[in-house]
Amino acid sequence: MSDKERDFEAARARHNQTIREAVQSSAYAPISAGGAAVGNMNNAGTPGAAPNKPHQDYNTREINRTMDNMLSSVVLLELEAHLETHREHYGRGGWFNPRICGSSDLTENLRHAVLSDDYLSVIAYASFLLMREKLGIDGLNKKPIGE
């Protein structure tokens, strides 16, 4: 194994440990442990009672906010590692340059990733297309970030 490959594997191990620690942290422990906070509560917090409008309940909103934050944190870490792996290990890059990779290529790769159940690649290709749209690259209509 080369020094570069050892460095890459060490970085991947550190990355995976960071994700494990984030998921197991006190902020996410009741949810990641499958507690009642996730599965068996209605919006009033009463187990087994008939649910009404959960989006209006404070506890459910907080759980949703926590899970959304956890999702975005884990996706960010996973996507960063995925992009680094493909950039450093496989020499991939240029998603932002239409001369290297057209939007139709990204769309086809996105379709292939969906059909292959490669969800991290789905996120990556969809993100590439989103950024191209936000930046107005390759004939896509420019849309401000946040819209």
Foldseek 3Di string as FASTA:
>chain_A
DDPVVVVLVVVVVVLVVVLVCVCCDPLNPCPSVPHPLPDAAALVRDGPDDHDDNCPRPSSVVVVVSVVVNVVVNLVSVLVSVVCCCCVVVVDDDLQPCVVPALVNLVVQLVVCVVVVVVNSVVVSVVSVVVCCCVVHRPHPHDPPPD
